[in-house]
Amino acid sequence: MASKKGIVTTIIILSVITGASFLLWLVPQEEDATFIVTDYENYLDGVKNIHEVLQESMEIEYQNLRSGKISPQDYIVIADVTSSQVTSQISEFVTSKPPEIWQDSYISYMEALKKFNSYIGETKVLANLIEKGSTDTELNEVIEKIELMKKESLEHAKNSEEQRPN
């Protein structure tokens, strides 16, 4: 089992990132608020960096789940926090309104985030199957879906990088 300290540390880190993102939503008081971005390259780089941290964190916890170092319930809590952060990043993308020259890159990265969120959801399905003691066939079917979603997310991120304006 993963140590309680490690789980708590992971949850705290993910909570701080989530809290900071949601703070952006609490500051504007208008109903039709727009997330204003003036440096589209740096904004996209920042989102990419947050995404990479979340991916690394989820990969570690996913491997801990698979090896039995963390319980399915603890994994689901961590996955829920991470999914919330990804959803926040997607919402910011929707309201950032990049200029036409950046739109393809932004759309591709938003798709990468959406696939990553689907990946997280599917890993939660796996956690539930592990908890109820499902067969290896059922587990392997879900693991294949997880790997496909992970690959698709990485492909969208790569496409975003290639679509950036020069």
Protein backbone atom coordinates (compact mmCIF):
# COMPACT_ATOMS: atom_id res chain seq x y z
CA MET A 1 0.00 0.00 0.00
CA ALA A 2 1.12 3.53 -0.69
CA SER A 3 1.95 5.50 2.40
CA LYS A 4 -0.69 7.81 3.81
CA LYS A 5 1.85 10.64 3.61
CA GLY A 6 2.32 10.07 -0.14
CA ILE A 7 -1.41 9.98 -0.79
CA VAL A 8 -2.02 13.10 1.29
CA THR A 9 0.86 14.91 -0.44
CA THR A 10 -0.51 14.03 -3.88
CA ILE A 11 -4.00 15.17 -2.93
CA ILE A 12 -2.66 18.44 -1.50
CA ILE A 13 -0.65 19.19 -4.66
CA LEU A 14 -3.60 18.46 -6.91
CA SER A 15 -5.92 20.48 -4.65
CA VAL A 16 -3.63 23.51 -4.75
CA ILE A 17 -3.50 23.38 -8.55
CA THR A 18 -7.28 22.98 -8.70
CA GLY A 19 -7.82 25.80 -6.22
CA ALA A 20 -5.57 28.17 -8.14
CA SER A 21 -7.43 27.40 -11.36
CA PHE A 22 -10.84 27.87 -9.78
CA LEU A 23 -9.69 31.18 -8.31
CA LEU A 24 -9.65 32.50 -11.86
CA TRP A 25 -13.33 31.67 -12.09
CA LEU A 26 -14.23 33.31 -8.80
CA VAL A 27 -12.59 36.67 -9.51
CA PRO A 28 -14.75 37.76 -12.49
CA GLN A 29 -18.24 38.66 -11.29
CA GLU A 30 -19.90 39.05 -14.70
CA GLU A 31 -22.02 36.28 -16.19
CA ASP A 32 -20.38 36.54 -19.63
CA ALA A 33 -16.82 36.75 -18.37
CA THR A 34 -14.07 35.86 -20.78
CA PHE A 35 -10.70 34.49 -19.79
CA ILE A 36 -8.41 37.08 -21.35
CA VAL A 37 -5.16 35.83 -22.81
CA THR A 38 -2.73 38.14 -24.55
CA ASP A 39 0.29 35.85 -24.85
CA TYR A 40 -1.16 32.75 -26.48
CA GLU A 41 2.13 30.89 -26.75
CA ASN A 42 3.00 31.25 -23.06
CA TYR A 43 -0.56 30.45 -22.00
CA LEU A 44 -0.50 27.25 -24.04
CA ASP A 45 2.94 26.41 -22.62
CA GLY A 46 1.57 26.89 -19.10
CA VAL A 47 -1.39 24.61 -19.75
CA LYS A 48 0.97 22.07 -21.29
CA ASN A 49 3.18 22.17 -18.18
CA ILE A 50 0.20 21.66 -15.85
CA HIS A 51 -1.02 18.82 -18.07
CA GLU A 52 2.39 17.14 -17.93
CA VAL A 53 2.46 17.34 -14.13
CA LEU A 54 -1.03 15.87 -13.95
CA GLN A 55 -0.08 13.11 -16.41
CA GLU A 56 3.01 12.18 -14.39
CA SER A 57 1.05 12.18 -11.15
CA MET A 58 -1.71 10.03 -12.61
CA GLU A 59 0.80 7.62 -14.17
CA ILE A 60 2.47 7.08 -10.80
CA GLU A 61 -0.86 6.53 -9.05
CA TYR A 62 -2.11 4.31 -11.89
CA GLN A 63 0.97 2.10 -11.55
CA ASN A 64 0.45 2.05 -7.77
CA LEU A 65 -3.14 0.92 -8.35
CA ARG A 66 -2.06 -1.82 -10.76
CA SER A 67 0.63 -3.09 -8.38
CA GLY A 68 -1.64 -2.98 -5.32
CA LYS A 69 0.33 -0.23 -3.56
CA ILE A 70 -2.79 1.93 -3.38
CA SER A 71 -6.39 0.94 -2.78
CA PRO A 72 -9.00 1.45 -5.49
CA GLN A 73 -10.87 3.88 -3.20
CA ASP A 74 -7.76 6.03 -2.65
CA TYR A 75 -7.04 5.97 -6.38
CA ILE A 76 -10.55 7.15 -7.21
CA VAL A 77 -10.21 10.10 -4.83
CA ILE A 78 -6.96 11.16 -6.52
CA ALA A 79 -8.47 10.62 -9.98
CA ASP A 80 -11.49 12.77 -9.10
CA VAL A 81 -9.26 15.66 -7.99
CA THR A 82 -7.17 15.38 -11.16
CA SER A 83 -10.24 15.17 -13.37
CA SER A 84 -11.57 18.33 -11.75
CA GLN A 85 -8.32 20.12 -12.58
CA VAL A 86 -8.43 18.94 -16.20
CA THR A 87 -12.05 20.08 -16.51
CA SER A 88 -11.00 23.50 -15.23
CA GLN A 89 -8.25 23.69 -17.86
CA ILE A 90 -10.73 22.76 -20.59
CA SER A 91 -13.12 25.48 -19.39
CA GLU A 92 -10.34 28.06 -19.56
CA PHE A 93 -9.57 26.98 -23.11
CA VAL A 94 -13.19 27.44 -24.13
CA THR A 95 -13.25 31.03 -22.83
CA SER A 96 -9.75 32.10 -23.91
CA LYS A 97 -10.80 32.87 -27.51
CA PRO A 98 -7.46 32.62 -29.29
CA PRO A 99 -6.96 34.43 -32.59
CA GLU A 100 -7.46 32.43 -35.77
CA ILE A 101 -3.73 31.76 -36.14
CA TRP A 102 -3.73 29.88 -32.78
CA GLN A 103 -7.12 28.18 -33.02
CA ASP A 104 -5.99 24.87 -34.55
CA SER A 105 -3.27 24.44 -31.94
CA TYR A 106 -5.65 25.33 -29.09
CA ILE A 107 -8.38 23.02 -30.38
CA SER A 108 -5.94 20.13 -30.66
CA TYR A 109 -4.66 20.70 -27.13
CA MET A 110 -8.21 20.94 -25.81
CA GLU A 111 -8.85 17.56 -27.46
CA ALA A 112 -5.72 16.23 -25.73
CA LEU A 113 -7.13 17.38 -22.39
CA LYS A 114 -10.52 15.84 -23.14
CA LYS A 115 -8.92 12.49 -24.02
CA PHE A 116 -6.79 12.69 -20.89
CA ASN A 117 -9.96 13.25 -18.86
CA SER A 118 -11.54 10.22 -20.57
CA TYR A 119 -8.38 8.27 -19.71
CA ILE A 120 -8.80 9.24 -16.06
CA GLY A 121 -12.44 8.15 -16.14
CA GLU A 122 -11.52 4.79 -17.63
CA THR A 123 -8.83 4.24 -14.98
CA LYS A 124 -11.57 4.78 -12.39
CA VAL A 125 -13.57 2.04 -14.13
CA LEU A 126 -10.51 -0.21 -13.77
CA ALA A 127 -10.22 0.68 -10.08
CA ASN A 128 -13.85 -0.32 -9.56
CA LEU A 129 -13.29 -3.60 -11.42
CA ILE A 130 -10.22 -4.35 -9.30
CA GLU A 131 -12.20 -3.64 -6.15
CA LYS A 132 -14.99 -6.02 -7.09
CA GLY A 133 -12.53 -8.73 -8.16
CA SER A 134 -13.31 -8.88 -11.87
CA THR A 135 -11.80 -11.42 -14.22
CA ASP A 136 -8.50 -10.88 -16.02
CA THR A 137 -10.42 -10.71 -19.31
CA GLU A 138 -12.55 -7.82 -18.05
CA LEU A 139 -9.51 -6.05 -16.63
CA ASN A 140 -7.48 -6.48 -19.81
CA GLU A 141 -10.33 -5.10 -21.94
CA VAL A 142 -10.41 -1.91 -19.86
CA ILE A 143 -6.60 -1.67 -19.79
CA GLU A 144 -6.60 -1.74 -23.61
CA LYS A 145 -9.09 1.16 -23.65
CA ILE A 146 -6.95 3.06 -21.15
CA GLU A 147 -3.82 2.66 -23.27
CA LEU A 148 -5.70 3.74 -26.40
CA MET A 149 -7.01 6.90 -24.71
CA LYS A 150 -3.56 7.70 -23.39
CA LYS A 151 -2.08 7.31 -26.86
CA GLU A 152 -4.82 9.47 -28.43
CA SER A 153 -4.27 12.21 -25.84
CA LEU A 154 -0.54 12.25 -26.60
CA GLU A 155 -1.27 12.37 -30.36
CA HIS A 156 -3.55 15.40 -29.93
CA ALA A 157 -0.87 17.14 -27.84
CA LYS A 158 1.71 16.41 -30.55
CA ASN A 159 -0.68 17.75 -33.22
CA SER A 160 -1.13 20.92 -31.18
CA GLU A 161 2.62 21.41 -31.05
CA GLU A 162 2.88 20.94 -34.82
CA GLN A 163 0.02 23.39 -35.47
CA ARG A 164 1.55 26.26 -33.54
CA PRO A 165 2.21 29.32 -35.66
CA ASN A 166 5.85 30.02 -36.49
